[in-house]
């Protein structure tokens, strides 16, 4: 599967996207995440749901979160 096709699938309504519990819904600068198959975490701008998606390996995402906490 090529990258462009994969990104289009991630933007579809069947992906479960979620925001941080700290997001207040007031239209600020928020990111949404989606975890698919436990192998990767996908991140997008909550205001541009049809925009680009950045994907991280699960371990890389865990390392990132561990370093910012």
PDB file of N, CA and C in Angstrom:
ATOM      1  N   UNK A   1       0.853  -1.176   0.000  1.00  0.00           N
ATOM      2  CA  UNK A   1       0.000   0.000   0.000  1.00  0.00           C
ATOM      3  C   UNK A   1       0.898   1.238   0.000  1.00  0.00           C
ATOM      4  N   UNK A   2       0.626   2.178  -0.892  1.00  0.00           N
ATOM      5  CA  UNK A   2       1.460   3.379  -0.923  1.00  0.00           C
ATOM      6  C   UNK A   2       1.021   4.368   0.163  1.00  0.00           C
ATOM      7  N   UNK A   3       1.888   5.319   0.464  1.00  0.00           N
ATOM      8  CA  UNK A   3       1.655   6.246   1.569  1.00  0.00           C
ATOM      9  C   UNK A   3       0.407   7.083   1.355  1.00  0.00           C
ATOM     10  N   UNK A   4       0.215   7.593   0.147  1.00  0.00           N
ATOM     11  CA  UNK A   4      -0.948   8.449  -0.116  1.00  0.00           C
ATOM     12  C   UNK A   4      -2.240   7.683   0.144  1.00  0.00           C
ATOM     13  N   UNK A   5      -2.319   6.454  -0.317  1.00  0.00           N
ATOM     14  CA  UNK A   5      -3.517   5.641  -0.110  1.00  0.00           C
ATOM     15  C   UNK A   5      -3.735   5.401   1.385  1.00  0.00           C
ATOM     16  N   UNK A   6      -2.669   5.127   2.103  1.00  0.00           N
ATOM     17  CA  UNK A   6      -2.767   4.882   3.543  1.00  0.00           C
ATOM     18  C   UNK A   6      -3.272   6.121   4.274  1.00  0.00           C
ATOM     19  N   UNK A   7      -2.793   7.291   3.892  1.00  0.00           N
ATOM     20  CA  UNK A   7      -3.247   8.529   4.530  1.00  0.00           C
ATOM     21  C   UNK A   7      -4.722   8.766   4.275  1.00  0.00           C
ATOM     22  N   UNK A   8      -5.187   8.466   3.070  1.00  0.00           N
ATOM     23  CA  UNK A   8      -6.599   8.641   2.776  1.00  0.00           C
ATOM     24  C   UNK A   8      -7.447   7.728   3.651  1.00  0.00           C
ATOM     25  N   UNK A   9      -7.008   6.500   3.875  1.00  0.00           N
ATOM     26  CA  UNK A   9      -7.744   5.588   4.740  1.00  0.00           C
ATOM     27  C   UNK A   9      -7.778   6.091   6.176  1.00  0.00           C
ATOM     28  N   UNK A  10      -6.698   6.675   6.645  1.00  0.00           N
ATOM     29  CA  UNK A  10      -6.657   7.174   8.017  1.00  0.00           C
ATOM     30  C   UNK A  10      -7.597   8.345   8.228  1.00  0.00           C
ATOM     31  N   UNK A  11      -7.863   9.100   7.184  1.00  0.00           N
ATOM     32  CA  UNK A  11      -8.743  10.254   7.312  1.00  0.00           C
ATOM     33  C   UNK A  11     -10.218   9.854   7.274  1.00  0.00           C
ATOM     34  N   UNK A  12     -10.497   8.596   7.002  1.00  0.00           N
ATOM     35  CA  UNK A  12     -11.887   8.170   6.875  1.00  0.00           C
ATOM     36  C   UNK A  12     -12.578   8.145   8.236  1.00  0.00           C
ATOM     37  N   UNK A  13     -13.888   8.076   8.188  1.00  0.00           N
ATOM     38  CA  UNK A  13     -14.690   8.101   9.414  1.00  0.00           C
ATOM     39  C   UNK A  13     -14.562   6.833  10.246  1.00  0.00           C
ATOM     40  N   UNK A  14     -14.022   5.742   9.686  1.00  0.00           N
ATOM     41  CA  UNK A  14     -13.948   4.505  10.448  1.00  0.00           C
ATOM     42  C   UNK A  14     -12.781   4.489  11.438  1.00  0.00           C
ATOM     43  N   UNK A  15     -11.854   5.428  11.315  1.00  0.00           N
ATOM     44  CA  UNK A  15     -10.748   5.521  12.266  1.00  0.00           C
ATOM     45  C   UNK A  15     -11.275   6.152  13.553  1.00  0.00           C
ATOM     46  N   UNK A  16     -10.820   5.652  14.691  1.00  0.00           N
ATOM     47  CA  UNK A  16     -11.228   6.224  15.980  1.00  0.00           C
ATOM     48  C   UNK A  16     -10.189   7.265  16.389  1.00  0.00           C
ATOM     49  N   UNK A  17     -10.549   8.536  16.284  1.00  0.00           N
ATOM     50  CA  UNK A  17      -9.670   9.646  16.647  1.00  0.00           C
ATOM     51  C   UNK A  17     -10.084  10.181  18.002  1.00  0.00           C
ATOM     52  N   UNK A  18      -9.117  10.580  18.812  1.00  0.00           N
ATOM     53  CA  UNK A  18      -9.427  11.142  20.123  1.00  0.00           C
ATOM     54  C   UNK A  18      -8.499  12.309  20.424  1.00  0.00           C
ATOM     55  N   UNK A  19      -8.992  13.211  21.288  1.00  0.00           N
ATOM     56  CA  UNK A  19      -8.209  14.362  21.739  1.00  0.00           C
ATOM     57  C   UNK A  19      -7.800  14.147  23.188  1.00  0.00           C
ATOM     58  N   UNK A  20      -6.861  14.917  23.632  1.00  0.00           N
ATOM     59  CA  UNK A  20      -6.431  14.886  25.020  1.00  0.00           C
ATOM     60  C   UNK A  20      -7.584  15.262  25.931  1.00  0.00           C
ATOM     61  N   UNK A  21      -7.581  14.707  27.130  1.00  0.00           N
ATOM     62  CA  UNK A  21      -8.590  15.089  28.117  1.00  0.00           C
ATOM     63  C   UNK A  21      -8.415  16.544  28.546  1.00  0.00           C
ATOM     64  N   UNK A  22      -7.256  17.144  28.253  1.00  0.00           N
ATOM     65  CA  UNK A  22      -7.003  18.548  28.569  1.00  0.00           C
ATOM     66  C   UNK A  22      -7.582  19.492  27.518  1.00  0.00           C
ATOM     67  N   UNK A  23      -8.045  18.955  26.394  1.00  0.00           N
ATOM     68  CA  UNK A  23      -8.630  19.777  25.338  1.00  0.00           C
ATOM     69  C   UNK A  23      -9.999  20.263  25.795  1.00  0.00           C
ATOM     70  N   UNK A  24     -10.219  21.573  25.714  1.00  0.00           N
ATOM     71  CA  UNK A  24     -11.488  22.109  26.208  1.00  0.00           C
ATOM     72  C   UNK A  24     -12.520  22.333  25.107  1.00  0.00           C
ATOM     73  N   UNK A  25     -12.192  22.053  23.856  1.00  0.00           N
ATOM     74  CA  UNK A  25     -13.149  22.197  22.775  1.00  0.00           C
ATOM     75  C   UNK A  25     -13.441  23.627  22.384  1.00  0.00           C
ATOM     76  N   UNK A  26     -12.630  24.582  22.824  1.00  0.00           N
ATOM     77  CA  UNK A  26     -12.877  25.993  22.536  1.00  0.00           C
ATOM     78  C   UNK A  26     -12.226  26.447  21.228  1.00  0.00           C
ATOM     79  N   UNK A  27     -11.804  25.501  20.393  1.00  0.00           N
ATOM     80  CA  UNK A  27     -11.235  25.868  19.107  1.00  0.00           C
ATOM     81  C   UNK A  27      -9.761  26.197  19.140  1.00  0.00           C
ATOM     82  N   UNK A  28      -9.075  25.757  20.169  1.00  0.00           N
ATOM     83  CA  UNK A  28      -7.649  26.028  20.284  1.00  0.00           C
ATOM     84  C   UNK A  28      -6.815  25.150  19.368  1.00  0.00           C
ATOM     85  N   UNK A  29      -5.537  25.124  19.634  1.00  0.00           N
ATOM     86  CA  UNK A  29      -4.597  24.335  18.838  1.00  0.00           C
ATOM     87  C   UNK A  29      -4.558  22.916  19.385  1.00  0.00           C
ATOM     88  N   UNK A  30      -5.342  22.027  18.822  1.00  0.00           N
ATOM     89  CA  UNK A  30      -5.443  20.661  19.322  1.00  0.00           C
ATOM     90  C   UNK A  30      -4.988  19.648  18.280  1.00  0.00           C
ATOM     91  N   UNK A  31      -4.481  18.555  18.788  1.00  0.00           N
ATOM     92  CA  UNK A  31      -4.140  17.410  17.957  1.00  0.00           C
ATOM     93  C   UNK A  31      -5.090  16.283  18.293  1.00  0.00           C
ATOM     94  N   UNK A  32      -5.312  15.412  17.317  1.00  0.00           N
ATOM     95  CA  UNK A  32      -6.068  14.198  17.544  1.00  0.00           C
ATOM     96  C   UNK A  32      -5.148  13.022  17.247  1.00  0.00           C
ATOM     97  N   UNK A  33      -5.357  11.927  17.955  1.00  0.00           N
ATOM     98  CA  UNK A  33      -4.552  10.720  17.763  1.00  0.00           C
ATOM     99  C   UNK A  33      -5.463   9.556  17.427  1.00  0.00           C
ATOM    100  N   UNK A  34      -4.909   8.597  16.719  1.00  0.00           N
ATOM    101  CA  UNK A  34      -5.592   7.355  16.416  1.00  0.00           C
ATOM    102  C   UNK A  34      -4.574   6.232  16.521  1.00  0.00           C
ATOM    103  N   UNK A  35      -4.941   5.183  17.246  1.00  0.00           N
ATOM    104  CA  UNK A  35      -4.078   4.015  17.385  1.00  0.00           C
ATOM    105  C   UNK A  35      -4.688   2.903  16.555  1.00  0.00           C
ATOM    106  N   UNK A  36      -3.926   2.417  15.606  1.00  0.00           N
ATOM    107  CA  UNK A  36      -4.427   1.367  14.716  1.00  0.00           C
ATOM    108  C   UNK A  36      -3.577   0.117  14.857  1.00  0.00           C
ATOM    109  N   UNK A  37      -4.185  -0.978  15.165  1.00  0.00           N
ATOM    110  CA  UNK A  37      -3.553  -2.299  15.233  1.00  0.00           C
ATOM    111  C   UNK A  37      -2.411  -2.368  16.234  1.00  0.00           C
ATOM    112  N   UNK A  38      -2.306  -1.418  17.142  1.00  0.00           N
ATOM    113  CA  UNK A  38      -1.262  -1.446  18.137  1.00  0.00           C
ATOM    114  C   UNK A  38       0.145  -1.279  17.607  1.00  0.00           C
ATOM    115  N   UNK A  39       0.286  -1.014  16.319  1.00  0.00           N
ATOM    116  CA  UNK A  39       1.626  -0.900  15.735  1.00  0.00           C
ATOM    117  C   UNK A  39       2.060   0.530  15.495  1.00  0.00           C
ATOM    118  N   UNK A  40       1.116   1.450  15.433  1.00  0.00           N
ATOM    119  CA  UNK A  40       1.465   2.839  15.141  1.00  0.00           C
ATOM    120  C   UNK A  40       0.454   3.792  15.769  1.00  0.00           C
ATOM    121  N   UNK A  41       0.903   5.007  15.991  1.00  0.00           N
ATOM    122  CA  UNK A  41       0.041   6.093  16.462  1.00  0.00           C
ATOM    123  C   UNK A  41       0.041   7.149  15.370  1.00  0.00           C
ATOM    124  N   UNK A  42      -1.144   7.588  14.987  1.00  0.00           N
ATOM    125  CA  UNK A  42      -1.296   8.575  13.926  1.00  0.00           C
ATOM    126  C   UNK A  42      -1.796   9.874  14.545  1.00  0.00           C
ATOM    127  N   UNK A  43      -1.254  10.996  14.091  1.00  0.00           N
ATOM    128  CA  UNK A  43      -1.554  12.304  14.673  1.00  0.00           C
ATOM    129  C   UNK A  43      -1.961  13.259  13.560  1.00  0.00           C
ATOM    130  N   UNK A  44      -2.998  14.063  13.829  1.00  0.00           N
ATOM    131  CA  UNK A  44      -3.450  15.061  12.852  1.00  0.00           C
ATOM    132  C   UNK A  44      -3.940  16.305  13.578  1.00  0.00           C
ATOM    133  N   UNK A  45      -4.073  17.389  12.837  1.00  0.00           N
ATOM    134  CA  UNK A  45      -4.623  18.643  13.334  1.00  0.00           C
ATOM    135  C   UNK A  45      -6.137  18.473  13.458  1.00  0.00           C
ATOM    136  N   UNK A  46      -6.699  18.752  14.621  1.00  0.00           N
ATOM    137  CA  UNK A  46      -8.133  18.541  14.828  1.00  0.00           C
ATOM    138  C   UNK A  46      -9.003  19.464  13.968  1.00  0.00           C
ATOM    139  N   UNK A  47      -8.441  20.571  13.520  1.00  0.00           N
ATOM    140  CA  UNK A  47      -9.212  21.503  12.685  1.00  0.00           C
ATOM    141  C   UNK A  47      -9.128  21.146  11.204  1.00  0.00           C
ATOM    142  N   UNK A  48      -8.223  20.248  10.837  1.00  0.00           N
ATOM    143  CA  UNK A  48      -8.041  19.858   9.429  1.00  0.00           C
ATOM    144  C   UNK A  48      -8.139  18.334   9.330  1.00  0.00           C
ATOM    145  N   UNK A  49      -9.321  17.821   9.579  1.00  0.00           N
ATOM    146  CA  UNK A  49      -9.519  16.378   9.624  1.00  0.00           C
ATOM    147  C   UNK A  49      -9.182  15.679   8.311  1.00  0.00           C
ATOM    148  N   UNK A  50      -9.235  16.388   7.217  1.00  0.00           N
ATOM    149  CA  UNK A  50      -8.885  15.799   5.927  1.00  0.00           C
ATOM    150  C   UNK A  50      -7.452  16.140   5.512  1.00  0.00           C
ATOM    151  N   UNK A  51      -6.697  16.725   6.433  1.00  0.00           N
ATOM    152  CA  UNK A  51      -5.315  17.119   6.155  1.00  0.00           C
ATOM    153  C   UNK A  51      -4.336  15.976   6.347  1.00  0.00           C
ATOM    154  N   UNK A  52      -3.079  16.329   6.392  1.00  0.00           N
ATOM    155  CA  UNK A  52      -2.008  15.344   6.526  1.00  0.00           C
ATOM    156  C   UNK A  52      -2.037  14.654   7.880  1.00  0.00           C
ATOM    157  N   UNK A  53      -1.526  13.439   7.892  1.00  0.00           N
ATOM    158  CA  UNK A  53      -1.414  12.624   9.094  1.00  0.00           C
ATOM    159  C   UNK A  53       0.051  12.245   9.272  1.00  0.00           C
ATOM    160  N   UNK A  54       0.555  12.367  10.488  1.00  0.00           N
ATOM    161  CA  UNK A  54       1.918  11.945  10.805  1.00  0.00           C
ATOM    162  C   UNK A  54       1.812  10.648  11.591  1.00  0.00           C
ATOM    163  N   UNK A  55       2.591   9.645  11.201  1.00  0.00           N
ATOM    164  CA  UNK A  55       2.557   8.348  11.870  1.00  0.00           C
ATOM    165  C   UNK A  55       3.856   8.097  12.614  1.00  0.00           C
ATOM    166  N   UNK A  56       3.722   7.504  13.805  1.00  0.00           N
ATOM    167  CA  UNK A  56       4.863   7.156  14.645  1.00  0.00           C
ATOM    168  C   UNK A  56       4.745   5.684  15.028  1.00  0.00           C
ATOM    169  N   UNK A  57       5.874   4.990  15.061  1.00  0.00           N
ATOM    170  CA  UNK A  57       5.875   3.629  15.604  1.00  0.00           C
ATOM    171  C   UNK A  57       5.453   3.718  17.068  1.00  0.00           C
ATOM    172  N   UNK A  58       4.746   2.707  17.551  1.00  0.00           N
ATOM    173  CA  UNK A  58       4.248   2.726  18.930  1.00  0.00           C
ATOM    174  C   UNK A  58       5.351   2.983  19.943  1.00  0.00           C
ATOM    175  N   UNK A  59       6.507   2.346  19.770  1.00  0.00           N
ATOM    176  CA  UNK A  59       7.607   2.523  20.715  1.00  0.00           C
ATOM    177  C   UNK A  59       8.141   3.955  20.675  1.00  0.00           C
ATOM    178  N   UNK A  60       8.227   4.544  19.494  1.00  0.00           N
ATOM    179  CA  UNK A  60       8.691   5.933  19.373  1.00  0.00           C
ATOM    180  C   UNK A  60       7.717   6.879  20.077  1.00  0.00           C
ATOM    181  N   UNK A  61       6.420   6.630  19.940  1.00  0.00           N
ATOM    182  CA  UNK A  61       5.411   7.469  20.599  1.00  0.00           C
ATOM    183  C   UNK A  61       5.513   7.334  22.119  1.00  0.00           C
ATOM    184  N   UNK A  62       5.688   6.104  22.599  1.00  0.00           N
ATOM    185  CA  UNK A  62       5.847   5.877  24.038  1.00  0.00           C
ATOM    186  C   UNK A  62       7.075   6.602  24.579  1.00  0.00           C
ATOM    187  N   UNK A  63       8.175   6.543  23.838  1.00  0.00           N
ATOM    188  CA  UNK A  63       9.391   7.251  24.256  1.00  0.00           C
ATOM    189  C   UNK A  63       9.153   8.751  24.310  1.00  0.00           C
ATOM    190  N   UNK A  64       8.470   9.293  23.314  1.00  0.00           N
ATOM    191  CA  UNK A  64       8.154  10.714  23.276  1.00  0.00           C
ATOM    192  C   UNK A  64       7.329  11.112  24.508  1.00  0.00           C
ATOM    193  N   UNK A  65       6.264  10.383  24.782  1.00  0.00           N
ATOM    194  CA  UNK A  65       5.417  10.703  25.931  1.00  0.00           C
ATOM    195  C   UNK A  65       6.179  10.594  27.234  1.00  0.00           C
ATOM    196  N   UNK A  66       7.033   9.589  27.340  1.00  0.00           N
ATOM    197  CA  UNK A  66       7.831   9.417  28.549  1.00  0.00           C
ATOM    198  C   UNK A  66       8.795  10.576  28.788  1.00  0.00           C
ATOM    199  N   UNK A  67       9.263  11.182  27.723  1.00  0.00           N
ATOM    200  CA  UNK A  67      10.203  12.292  27.851  1.00  0.00           C
ATOM    201  C   UNK A  67       9.548  13.636  28.111  1.00  0.00           C
ATOM    202  N   UNK A  68       8.265  13.780  27.806  1.00  0.00           N
ATOM    203  CA  UNK A  68       7.612  15.081  28.028  1.00  0.00           C
ATOM    204  C   UNK A  68       6.852  15.133  29.344  1.00  0.00           C
ATOM    205  N   UNK A  69       6.688  14.011  29.987  1.00  0.00           N
ATOM    206  CA  UNK A  69       5.935  13.982  31.261  1.00  0.00           C
ATOM    207  C   UNK A  69       6.784  14.404  32.405  1.00  0.00           C
TER     208      UNK A  69
END
